[in-house]
Amino acid sequence: MFGIGTTELLVILLVALVILGPKKLPQIARSLGKALGEFKRVSSDVKRTIDLEVENLEREEKTQKAKSELLPEDYAAPAAASAAPDNAAPDAKTGDSAAPDEDAGPDRNPTDPAEKI
């Protein structure tokens, strides 16, 4: 503990006893112990928060890496473009227009595969 041996600690306690007196020494030791305990709690809370943030960043990096490995760049670009609504943009897979059919009746669902036959 701090490079202080047993004899040095006893000398420090004896000097504190002589300077502070037997009545105030227990009160000061108690308040010092409480302060050290609070400092340990706060420092462990800060460490836990930092570790949690590092884990979250690592998880986000892994997710981004996995997405980039699973989705090729040429496939990811049309997906990003289709996120913005554009009525005349064709679908990348089928070539169908994203615009609704004007000739569809009120009872027809133009996106239903059975209705396209």
N, C-alpha and C. Protein backbone atom coordinates (compact mmCIF):
# COMPACT_ATOMS: atom_id res chain seq x y z
N MET A 1 0.84 -1.18 0.00
CA MET A 1 0.00 0.00 0.00
C MET A 1 0.88 1.24 0.00
N PHE A 2 1.01 1.93 -1.09
CA PHE A 2 1.73 3.18 -1.25
C PHE A 2 3.21 3.08 -0.88
N GLY A 3 3.77 1.90 -0.77
CA GLY A 3 5.18 1.74 -0.42
C GLY A 3 5.47 2.07 1.03
N ILE A 4 4.46 2.07 1.88
CA ILE A 4 4.66 2.36 3.31
C ILE A 4 4.66 1.04 4.07
N GLY A 5 5.69 0.83 4.84
CA GLY A 5 5.80 -0.39 5.64
C GLY A 5 5.02 -0.26 6.94
N THR A 6 5.03 -1.33 7.72
CA THR A 6 4.29 -1.37 8.97
C THR A 6 4.85 -0.37 9.97
N THR A 7 6.16 -0.30 10.08
CA THR A 7 6.74 0.63 11.06
C THR A 7 6.47 2.09 10.68
N GLU A 8 6.51 2.41 9.39
CA GLU A 8 6.22 3.78 8.98
C GLU A 8 4.76 4.14 9.28
N LEU A 9 3.88 3.20 9.07
CA LEU A 9 2.47 3.43 9.34
C LEU A 9 2.24 3.65 10.83
N LEU A 10 2.90 2.88 11.68
CA LEU A 10 2.77 3.06 13.12
C LEU A 10 3.31 4.42 13.56
N VAL A 11 4.40 4.86 12.97
CA VAL A 11 4.95 6.18 13.31
C VAL A 11 3.97 7.27 12.90
N ILE A 12 3.37 7.17 11.70
CA ILE A 12 2.41 8.17 11.24
C ILE A 12 1.20 8.20 12.18
N LEU A 13 0.69 7.04 12.57
CA LEU A 13 -0.45 6.98 13.50
C LEU A 13 -0.10 7.57 14.85
N LEU A 14 1.10 7.32 15.36
CA LEU A 14 1.53 7.85 16.65
C LEU A 14 1.64 9.37 16.59
N VAL A 15 2.20 9.91 15.50
CA VAL A 15 2.30 11.36 15.34
C VAL A 15 0.90 11.97 15.23
N ALA A 16 -0.02 11.34 14.50
CA ALA A 16 -1.39 11.83 14.38
C ALA A 16 -2.08 11.82 15.73
N LEU A 17 -1.83 10.79 16.54
CA LEU A 17 -2.43 10.71 17.87
C LEU A 17 -1.92 11.84 18.76
N VAL A 18 -0.65 12.13 18.67
CA VAL A 18 -0.08 13.19 19.49
C VAL A 18 -0.59 14.56 19.03
N ILE A 19 -0.65 14.80 17.73
CA ILE A 19 -1.05 16.11 17.21
C ILE A 19 -2.56 16.33 17.38
N LEU A 20 -3.36 15.35 17.00
CA LEU A 20 -4.81 15.53 16.99
C LEU A 20 -5.45 15.23 18.35
N GLY A 21 -4.87 14.36 19.09
CA GLY A 21 -5.43 14.00 20.38
C GLY A 21 -6.33 12.79 20.26
N PRO A 22 -6.56 12.12 21.40
CA PRO A 22 -7.35 10.88 21.38
C PRO A 22 -8.84 11.09 21.10
N LYS A 23 -9.37 12.29 21.28
CA LYS A 23 -10.80 12.53 21.05
C LYS A 23 -11.10 12.76 19.57
N LYS A 24 -10.25 13.48 18.87
CA LYS A 24 -10.52 13.82 17.47
C LYS A 24 -10.02 12.76 16.49
N LEU A 25 -9.06 11.96 16.90
CA LEU A 25 -8.49 10.98 15.97
C LEU A 25 -9.53 9.99 15.43
N PRO A 26 -10.42 9.39 16.27
CA PRO A 26 -11.44 8.49 15.71
C PRO A 26 -12.41 9.18 14.75
N GLN A 27 -12.76 10.43 15.05
CA GLN A 27 -13.67 11.16 14.17
C GLN A 27 -13.01 11.43 12.82
N ILE A 28 -11.76 11.84 12.84
CA ILE A 28 -11.04 12.12 11.60
C ILE A 28 -10.82 10.83 10.81
N ALA A 29 -10.49 9.74 11.50
CA ALA A 29 -10.30 8.45 10.82
C ALA A 29 -11.60 7.98 10.18
N ARG A 30 -12.71 8.18 10.88
CA ARG A 30 -14.02 7.79 10.35
C ARG A 30 -14.36 8.61 9.10
N SER A 31 -14.18 9.91 9.16
CA SER A 31 -14.50 10.75 8.00
C SER A 31 -13.53 10.47 6.84
N LEU A 32 -12.27 10.18 7.15
CA LEU A 32 -11.31 9.82 6.10
C LEU A 32 -11.70 8.50 5.44
N GLY A 33 -12.15 7.53 6.23
CA GLY A 33 -12.60 6.25 5.69
C GLY A 33 -13.82 6.41 4.80
N LYS A 34 -14.77 7.26 5.22
CA LYS A 34 -15.96 7.52 4.40
C LYS A 34 -15.58 8.19 3.09
N ALA A 35 -14.65 9.15 3.16
CA ALA A 35 -14.23 9.85 1.95
C ALA A 35 -13.54 8.90 0.98
N LEU A 36 -12.68 8.03 1.51
CA LEU A 36 -12.01 7.05 0.63
C LEU A 36 -13.00 6.07 0.02
N GLY A 37 -14.00 5.64 0.80
CA GLY A 37 -15.03 4.74 0.27
C GLY A 37 -15.83 5.40 -0.84
N GLU A 38 -16.19 6.66 -0.64
CA GLU A 38 -16.93 7.40 -1.67
C GLU A 38 -16.08 7.58 -2.93
N PHE A 39 -14.79 7.86 -2.74
CA PHE A 39 -13.89 8.00 -3.88
C PHE A 39 -13.80 6.69 -4.66
N LYS A 40 -13.74 5.57 -3.96
CA LYS A 40 -13.69 4.26 -4.65
C LYS A 40 -14.97 4.01 -5.43
N ARG A 41 -16.11 4.34 -4.83
CA ARG A 41 -17.39 4.13 -5.53
C ARG A 41 -17.47 4.98 -6.79
N VAL A 42 -17.09 6.25 -6.68
CA VAL A 42 -17.16 7.14 -7.84
C VAL A 42 -16.19 6.68 -8.93
N SER A 43 -14.98 6.30 -8.53
CA SER A 43 -14.00 5.88 -9.54
C SER A 43 -14.44 4.58 -10.22
N SER A 44 -15.04 3.67 -9.47
CA SER A 44 -15.51 2.43 -10.10
C SER A 44 -16.71 2.72 -11.02
N ASP A 45 -17.54 3.69 -10.65
CA ASP A 45 -18.66 4.06 -11.51
C ASP A 45 -18.16 4.68 -12.82
N VAL A 46 -17.15 5.53 -12.73
CA VAL A 46 -16.58 6.13 -13.94
C VAL A 46 -15.94 5.05 -14.81
N LYS A 47 -15.23 4.13 -14.20
CA LYS A 47 -14.60 3.03 -14.96
C LYS A 47 -15.66 2.17 -15.64
N ARG A 48 -16.74 1.88 -14.93
CA ARG A 48 -17.81 1.06 -15.50
C ARG A 48 -18.47 1.77 -16.68
N THR A 49 -18.66 3.10 -16.56
CA THR A 49 -19.26 3.87 -17.64
C THR A 49 -18.36 3.89 -18.87
N ILE A 50 -17.07 4.08 -18.66
CA ILE A 50 -16.13 4.08 -19.78
C ILE A 50 -16.09 2.72 -20.45
N ASP A 51 -16.06 1.64 -19.66
CA ASP A 51 -16.05 0.29 -20.23
C ASP A 51 -17.32 0.03 -21.04
N LEU A 52 -18.46 0.50 -20.54
CA LEU A 52 -19.72 0.31 -21.25
C LEU A 52 -19.71 1.05 -22.58
N GLU A 53 -19.21 2.27 -22.60
CA GLU A 53 -19.14 3.03 -23.84
C GLU A 53 -18.19 2.38 -24.85
N VAL A 54 -17.07 1.85 -24.37
CA VAL A 54 -16.13 1.17 -25.26
C VAL A 54 -16.80 -0.07 -25.86
N GLU A 55 -17.53 -0.82 -25.03
CA GLU A 55 -18.23 -2.01 -25.54
C GLU A 55 -19.27 -1.62 -26.59
N ASN A 56 -20.00 -0.51 -26.35
CA ASN A 56 -20.99 -0.07 -27.32
C ASN A 56 -20.34 0.32 -28.64
N LEU A 57 -19.22 1.03 -28.57
CA LEU A 57 -18.52 1.41 -29.80
C LEU A 57 -18.00 0.18 -30.54
N GLU A 58 -17.45 -0.79 -29.81
CA GLU A 58 -16.97 -2.01 -30.46
C GLU A 58 -18.12 -2.77 -31.10
N ARG A 59 -19.28 -2.81 -30.44
CA ARG A 59 -20.44 -3.51 -30.99
C ARG A 59 -20.91 -2.82 -32.27
N GLU A 60 -20.91 -1.47 -32.28
CA GLU A 60 -21.31 -0.74 -33.48
C GLU A 60 -20.33 -1.00 -34.63
N GLU A 61 -19.04 -1.02 -34.32
CA GLU A 61 -18.04 -1.29 -35.36
C GLU A 61 -18.20 -2.68 -35.93
N LYS A 62 -18.46 -3.67 -35.07
CA LYS A 62 -18.68 -5.04 -35.55
C LYS A 62 -19.92 -5.12 -36.42
N THR A 63 -20.97 -4.40 -36.02
CA THR A 63 -22.21 -4.41 -36.80
C THR A 63 -21.98 -3.79 -38.17
N GLN A 64 -21.28 -2.66 -38.22
CA GLN A 64 -21.00 -2.02 -39.49
C GLN A 64 -20.12 -2.91 -40.37
N LYS A 65 -19.15 -3.57 -39.76
CA LYS A 65 -18.26 -4.45 -40.52
C LYS A 65 -19.05 -5.64 -41.08
N ALA A 66 -19.93 -6.20 -40.26
CA ALA A 66 -20.74 -7.33 -40.72
C ALA A 66 -21.67 -6.91 -41.85
N LYS A 67 -22.27 -5.73 -41.72
CA LYS A 67 -23.16 -5.24 -42.77
C LYS A 67 -22.39 -5.03 -44.07
N SER A 68 -21.19 -4.47 -43.97
CA SER A 68 -20.42 -4.23 -45.18
C SER A 68 -19.95 -5.52 -45.81
N GLU A 69 -19.70 -6.55 -45.00
CA GLU A 69 -19.30 -7.84 -45.55
C GLU A 69 -20.48 -8.58 -46.18
N LEU A 70 -21.65 -8.45 -45.58
CA LEU A 70 -22.83 -9.16 -46.08
C LEU A 70 -23.44 -8.48 -47.30
N LEU A 71 -23.42 -7.15 -47.31
CA LEU A 71 -24.01 -6.42 -48.42
C LEU A 71 -22.90 -5.84 -49.28
N PRO A 72 -22.78 -6.29 -50.52
CA PRO A 72 -21.77 -5.70 -51.40
C PRO A 72 -22.10 -4.23 -51.67
N GLU A 73 -21.10 -3.48 -52.08
CA GLU A 73 -21.27 -2.05 -52.29
C GLU A 73 -22.29 -1.74 -53.39
N ASP A 74 -22.28 -2.50 -54.48
CA ASP A 74 -23.21 -2.23 -55.57
C ASP A 74 -24.65 -2.56 -55.18
N TYR A 75 -24.85 -3.45 -54.21
CA TYR A 75 -26.20 -3.77 -53.75
C TYR A 75 -26.64 -2.78 -52.68
N ALA A 76 -25.70 -2.27 -51.89
CA ALA A 76 -26.03 -1.34 -50.81
C ALA A 76 -26.41 0.03 -51.37
N ALA A 77 -25.83 0.44 -52.48
CA ALA A 77 -26.12 1.75 -53.05
C ALA A 77 -27.58 1.87 -53.49
N PRO A 78 -28.17 0.90 -54.22
CA PRO A 78 -29.60 1.03 -54.56
C PRO A 78 -30.49 1.00 -53.34
N ALA A 79 -30.09 0.28 -52.30
CA ALA A 79 -30.90 0.24 -51.09
C ALA A 79 -30.93 1.61 -50.44
N ALA A 80 -29.83 2.32 -50.47
CA ALA A 80 -29.78 3.66 -49.91
C ALA A 80 -30.58 4.61 -50.78
N ALA A 81 -30.55 4.42 -52.08
CA ALA A 81 -31.29 5.29 -52.98
C ALA A 81 -32.79 5.05 -52.86
N SER A 82 -33.20 3.83 -52.59
CA SER A 82 -34.63 3.54 -52.47
C SER A 82 -35.18 4.00 -51.13
N ALA A 83 -34.32 4.39 -50.20
CA ALA A 83 -34.80 4.91 -48.93
C ALA A 83 -35.47 6.26 -49.14
N ALA A 84 -35.00 7.04 -50.12
CA ALA A 84 -35.64 8.30 -50.46
C ALA A 84 -36.80 7.99 -51.41
N PRO A 85 -38.01 8.44 -51.09
CA PRO A 85 -39.15 8.12 -51.95
C PRO A 85 -39.05 8.82 -53.30
N ASP A 86 -39.13 8.02 -54.34
CA ASP A 86 -39.08 8.53 -55.70
C ASP A 86 -40.07 7.69 -56.49
N ASN A 87 -41.13 8.28 -56.99
CA ASN A 87 -42.19 7.52 -57.64
C ASN A 87 -41.76 6.88 -58.95
N ALA A 88 -40.74 7.41 -59.62
CA ALA A 88 -40.35 6.88 -60.92
C ALA A 88 -39.16 5.94 -60.83
N ALA A 89 -38.61 5.69 -59.64
CA ALA A 89 -37.43 4.85 -59.51
C ALA A 89 -37.82 3.38 -59.64
N PRO A 90 -37.16 2.63 -60.52
CA PRO A 90 -37.48 1.21 -60.64
C PRO A 90 -36.86 0.43 -59.49
N ASP A 91 -37.49 -0.71 -59.19
CA ASP A 91 -36.98 -1.60 -58.15
C ASP A 91 -35.72 -2.29 -58.68
N ALA A 92 -34.69 -2.42 -57.85
CA ALA A 92 -33.40 -2.98 -58.28
C ALA A 92 -33.53 -4.46 -58.63
N LYS A 93 -34.40 -5.20 -57.96
CA LYS A 93 -34.51 -6.65 -58.19
C LYS A 93 -35.43 -6.97 -59.38
N THR A 94 -36.61 -6.34 -59.42
CA THR A 94 -37.59 -6.74 -60.42
C THR A 94 -37.68 -5.78 -61.59
N GLY A 95 -37.20 -4.54 -61.43
CA GLY A 95 -37.29 -3.57 -62.50
C GLY A 95 -38.64 -2.88 -62.53
N ASP A 96 -39.54 -3.22 -61.58
CA ASP A 96 -40.86 -2.60 -61.51
C ASP A 96 -40.73 -1.19 -60.96
N SER A 97 -41.62 -0.34 -61.40
CA SER A 97 -41.63 1.02 -60.91
C SER A 97 -42.23 1.04 -59.52
N ALA A 98 -41.73 1.95 -58.67
CA ALA A 98 -42.26 2.07 -57.32
C ALA A 98 -43.56 2.86 -57.31
N ALA A 99 -43.92 3.51 -58.43
CA ALA A 99 -45.14 4.29 -58.50
C ALA A 99 -46.35 3.35 -58.53
N PRO A 100 -47.44 3.74 -57.91
CA PRO A 100 -48.63 2.89 -57.93
C PRO A 100 -49.24 2.86 -59.33
N ASP A 101 -49.88 1.74 -59.64
CA ASP A 101 -50.52 1.60 -60.94
C ASP A 101 -51.75 2.50 -61.00
N GLU A 102 -51.87 3.28 -62.10
CA GLU A 102 -53.01 4.16 -62.24
C GLU A 102 -54.26 3.38 -62.61
N ASP A 103 -54.07 2.23 -63.28
CA ASP A 103 -55.23 1.47 -63.72
C ASP A 103 -55.71 0.49 -62.66
N ALA A 104 -55.09 0.49 -61.50
CA ALA A 104 -55.52 -0.43 -60.45
C ALA A 104 -56.85 0.05 -59.89
N GLY A 105 -57.77 -0.87 -59.76
CA GLY A 105 -59.07 -0.55 -59.20
C GLY A 105 -58.99 -0.42 -57.69
N PRO A 106 -60.08 -0.02 -57.07
CA PRO A 106 -60.07 0.17 -55.63
C PRO A 106 -59.91 -1.15 -54.87
N ASP A 107 -60.32 -2.28 -55.49
CA ASP A 107 -60.24 -3.58 -54.83
C ASP A 107 -58.93 -4.30 -55.10
N ARG A 108 -58.09 -3.79 -55.99
CA ARG A 108 -56.85 -4.48 -56.35
C ARG A 108 -55.69 -3.94 -55.56
N ASN A 109 -54.78 -4.84 -55.19
CA ASN A 109 -53.53 -4.46 -54.55
C ASN A 109 -52.44 -4.61 -55.61
N PRO A 110 -51.88 -3.51 -56.10
CA PRO A 110 -50.91 -3.62 -57.21
C PRO A 110 -49.62 -4.31 -56.80
N THR A 111 -49.36 -4.45 -55.53
CA THR A 111 -48.12 -5.13 -55.10
C THR A 111 -48.34 -6.60 -54.81
N ASP A 112 -49.58 -7.08 -54.90
CA ASP A 112 -49.88 -8.48 -54.66
C ASP A 112 -49.44 -9.29 -55.89
N PRO A 113 -48.56 -10.31 -55.72
CA PRO A 113 -48.09 -11.08 -56.87
C PRO A 113 -49.21 -11.82 -57.59
N ALA A 114 -50.25 -12.23 -56.89
CA ALA A 114 -51.35 -12.94 -57.52
C ALA A 114 -52.14 -12.02 -58.45
N GLU A 115 -52.18 -10.74 -58.16
CA GLU A 115 -52.92 -9.80 -58.99
C GLU A 115 -52.20 -9.43 -60.28
N LYS A 116 -50.90 -9.66 -60.35
CA LYS A 116 -50.12 -9.29 -61.53
C LYS A 116 -50.28 -10.30 -62.65
N ILE A 117 -50.83 -11.43 -62.40
CA ILE A 117 -50.96 -12.48 -63.42
C ILE A 117 -52.03 -12.18 -64.41
